[in-house]
N, C-alpha and C. Protein backbone atom coordinates (compact mmCIF):
# COMPACT_ATOMS: atom_id res chain seq x y z
N MET A 1 -6.64 -25.39 28.06
CA MET A 1 -7.16 -24.65 27.04
C MET A 1 -6.02 -24.16 26.29
N ALA A 2 -5.93 -24.36 25.11
CA ALA A 2 -4.83 -23.95 24.15
C ALA A 2 -5.24 -22.73 23.34
N VAL A 3 -4.57 -21.57 23.45
CA VAL A 3 -4.84 -20.47 22.56
C VAL A 3 -3.60 -20.28 21.68
N VAL A 4 -3.99 -20.09 20.49
CA VAL A 4 -2.79 -19.85 19.51
C VAL A 4 -3.00 -18.62 18.68
N LEU A 5 -2.11 -17.69 18.76
CA LEU A 5 -2.19 -16.50 17.86
C LEU A 5 -1.43 -16.87 16.52
N GLU A 6 -2.24 -17.00 15.47
CA GLU A 6 -1.49 -17.46 14.12
C GLU A 6 -1.05 -16.03 13.56
N PRO A 7 0.04 -16.13 12.77
CA PRO A 7 0.87 -15.12 12.15
C PRO A 7 -0.12 -14.21 11.37
N SER A 8 -1.17 -14.84 10.75
CA SER A 8 -2.18 -14.02 9.87
C SER A 8 -2.99 -13.17 10.74
N GLY A 9 -3.06 -13.36 12.01
CA GLY A 9 -4.00 -12.58 12.81
C GLY A 9 -5.19 -13.32 13.37
N ILE A 10 -5.29 -14.63 12.91
CA ILE A 10 -6.39 -15.43 13.48
C ILE A 10 -5.98 -16.02 14.73
N VAL A 11 -7.00 -16.15 15.44
CA VAL A 11 -6.93 -16.66 17.03
C VAL A 11 -7.63 -17.92 17.00
N LYS A 12 -7.01 -19.05 17.45
CA LYS A 12 -7.51 -20.44 17.55
C LYS A 12 -7.66 -20.78 19.16
N VAL A 13 -8.73 -21.17 19.51
CA VAL A 13 -8.84 -21.57 21.04
C VAL A 13 -9.21 -23.11 20.91
N ASP A 14 -8.45 -23.97 21.32
CA ASP A 14 -8.52 -25.40 21.29
C ASP A 14 -8.59 -26.02 19.79
N GLY A 15 -7.98 -25.20 18.90
CA GLY A 15 -8.24 -25.60 17.59
C GLY A 15 -9.22 -25.03 16.76
N GLU A 16 -10.06 -24.25 17.41
CA GLU A 16 -11.19 -23.60 16.58
C GLU A 16 -10.97 -22.17 16.47
N VAL A 17 -11.17 -21.70 15.25
CA VAL A 17 -10.93 -20.19 15.08
C VAL A 17 -12.12 -19.56 15.65
N ILE A 18 -11.70 -18.39 16.50
CA ILE A 18 -12.73 -17.50 17.13
C ILE A 18 -12.90 -16.26 16.45
N PRO A 19 -14.07 -15.59 16.50
CA PRO A 19 -14.25 -14.37 16.01
C PRO A 19 -13.15 -13.26 16.45
N GLY A 20 -12.72 -12.55 15.55
CA GLY A 20 -11.78 -11.44 15.93
C GLY A 20 -10.42 -11.78 15.60
N ARG A 21 -9.45 -10.64 15.59
CA ARG A 21 -8.05 -10.93 15.06
C ARG A 21 -7.25 -10.15 16.07
N TRP A 22 -5.95 -10.72 16.10
CA TRP A 22 -4.96 -9.98 16.86
C TRP A 22 -4.11 -9.22 15.91
N HIS A 23 -3.53 -8.07 16.43
CA HIS A 23 -2.59 -7.15 15.58
C HIS A 23 -1.53 -6.83 16.57
N GLU A 24 -0.25 -6.53 15.81
CA GLU A 24 0.94 -6.16 16.45
C GLU A 24 1.09 -4.73 16.07
N ASP A 25 1.38 -3.85 17.10
CA ASP A 25 1.68 -2.52 16.85
C ASP A 25 3.32 -2.34 16.53
N GLU A 26 3.79 -1.16 16.32
CA GLU A 26 5.20 -1.05 15.76
C GLU A 26 6.09 -1.13 16.84
N LEU A 27 5.62 -1.17 18.14
CA LEU A 27 6.50 -1.22 19.34
C LEU A 27 6.68 -2.60 19.73
N GLY A 28 5.77 -3.61 19.05
CA GLY A 28 5.80 -5.05 19.45
C GLY A 28 4.67 -5.47 20.41
N GLY A 29 4.01 -4.41 20.79
CA GLY A 29 2.69 -4.77 21.62
C GLY A 29 1.61 -5.43 20.76
N VAL A 30 0.64 -6.10 21.42
CA VAL A 30 -0.35 -6.59 20.64
C VAL A 30 -1.70 -6.17 21.19
N TYR A 31 -2.72 -6.20 20.18
CA TYR A 31 -4.00 -5.88 20.87
C TYR A 31 -5.11 -6.75 20.06
N PHE A 32 -6.33 -6.68 20.48
CA PHE A 32 -7.31 -7.68 19.87
C PHE A 32 -8.49 -6.81 19.35
N GLU A 33 -8.83 -7.23 18.15
CA GLU A 33 -10.03 -6.67 17.54
C GLU A 33 -11.20 -7.60 17.35
N ASP A 34 -12.39 -7.39 17.94
CA ASP A 34 -13.45 -8.39 17.92
C ASP A 34 -14.67 -7.68 17.34
N GLU A 35 -15.13 -8.26 16.15
CA GLU A 35 -16.21 -7.61 15.53
C GLU A 35 -16.05 -6.20 15.36
N GLY A 36 -14.92 -5.70 14.88
CA GLY A 36 -14.71 -4.19 14.64
C GLY A 36 -14.46 -3.42 15.71
N VAL A 37 -14.51 -3.94 17.06
CA VAL A 37 -14.20 -3.16 18.16
C VAL A 37 -12.83 -3.50 18.58
N LEU A 38 -11.94 -2.40 18.53
CA LEU A 38 -10.65 -2.49 18.83
C LEU A 38 -10.27 -2.44 20.50
N SER A 39 -9.74 -3.47 20.95
CA SER A 39 -9.30 -3.32 22.44
C SER A 39 -8.19 -2.08 22.47
N THR A 40 -8.42 -1.46 23.33
CA THR A 40 -7.63 -0.16 23.54
C THR A 40 -6.21 -0.66 24.30
N ASP A 41 -6.35 -1.77 24.93
CA ASP A 41 -5.30 -2.22 25.65
C ASP A 41 -4.10 -2.94 24.93
N THR A 42 -3.02 -2.34 24.78
CA THR A 42 -1.80 -3.00 24.14
C THR A 42 -1.02 -3.74 25.23
N MET A 43 -0.67 -4.97 24.80
CA MET A 43 -0.13 -5.77 25.84
C MET A 43 0.97 -6.70 25.18
N SER A 44 1.73 -7.56 26.02
CA SER A 44 2.57 -8.38 25.34
C SER A 44 1.65 -9.75 24.78
N LYS A 45 2.31 -10.42 23.97
CA LYS A 45 1.54 -11.75 23.41
C LYS A 45 1.28 -12.64 24.54
N ASP A 46 2.15 -12.75 25.61
CA ASP A 46 1.85 -13.65 26.60
C ASP A 46 0.58 -13.13 27.49
N ALA A 47 0.54 -11.78 27.67
CA ALA A 47 -0.59 -11.12 28.39
C ALA A 47 -1.99 -11.45 27.63
N LEU A 48 -1.97 -11.30 26.41
CA LEU A 48 -3.06 -11.60 25.48
C LEU A 48 -3.42 -12.92 25.46
N LEU A 49 -2.67 -13.84 25.49
CA LEU A 49 -2.86 -15.21 25.37
C LEU A 49 -3.43 -15.57 26.76
N LYS A 50 -3.02 -15.11 27.82
CA LYS A 50 -3.55 -15.38 29.07
C LYS A 50 -5.01 -14.80 29.23
N LYS A 51 -5.18 -13.56 28.75
CA LYS A 51 -6.46 -12.94 28.84
C LYS A 51 -7.62 -13.69 27.90
N LEU A 52 -7.23 -14.16 26.96
CA LEU A 52 -8.10 -14.82 25.98
C LEU A 52 -8.45 -16.23 26.40
N SER A 53 -7.43 -16.94 27.19
CA SER A 53 -7.62 -18.21 27.80
C SER A 53 -8.53 -17.89 28.89
N GLU A 54 -8.40 -16.96 29.73
CA GLU A 54 -9.37 -16.81 30.84
C GLU A 54 -10.64 -16.37 30.38
N MET A 55 -10.92 -15.61 29.41
CA MET A 55 -12.07 -15.25 28.81
C MET A 55 -12.83 -16.47 28.32
N TYR A 56 -12.19 -17.30 27.63
CA TYR A 56 -12.86 -18.48 27.00
C TYR A 56 -13.09 -19.61 27.91
N SER A 57 -12.17 -19.72 29.05
CA SER A 57 -12.46 -20.75 30.06
C SER A 57 -13.73 -20.40 30.80
N ARG A 58 -14.01 -19.10 31.12
CA ARG A 58 -15.19 -18.79 31.78
C ARG A 58 -16.42 -18.97 31.04
N GLN A 59 -16.21 -18.68 29.73
CA GLN A 59 -17.46 -19.01 28.84
C GLN A 59 -17.79 -20.44 28.67
N SER A 60 -16.83 -21.39 28.86
CA SER A 60 -17.20 -22.87 28.66
C SER A 60 -17.73 -23.44 29.87
N ARG A 61 -17.73 -22.71 31.07
CA ARG A 61 -18.14 -23.15 32.28
C ARG A 61 -19.74 -23.18 32.42
């Protein structure tokens, strides 16, 4: 499963754009906004990629 964080904030999973956008805060941490709901968890880009990958791999089963 390939998850890509585009510089524009778009997130792609296996080449398809998913709902939501990622944002980077002033300290370099990132968080995810899905349908207007902000994730309160700020994490590294690697952690966000892993979390989104796990989330979408569970949905595809």
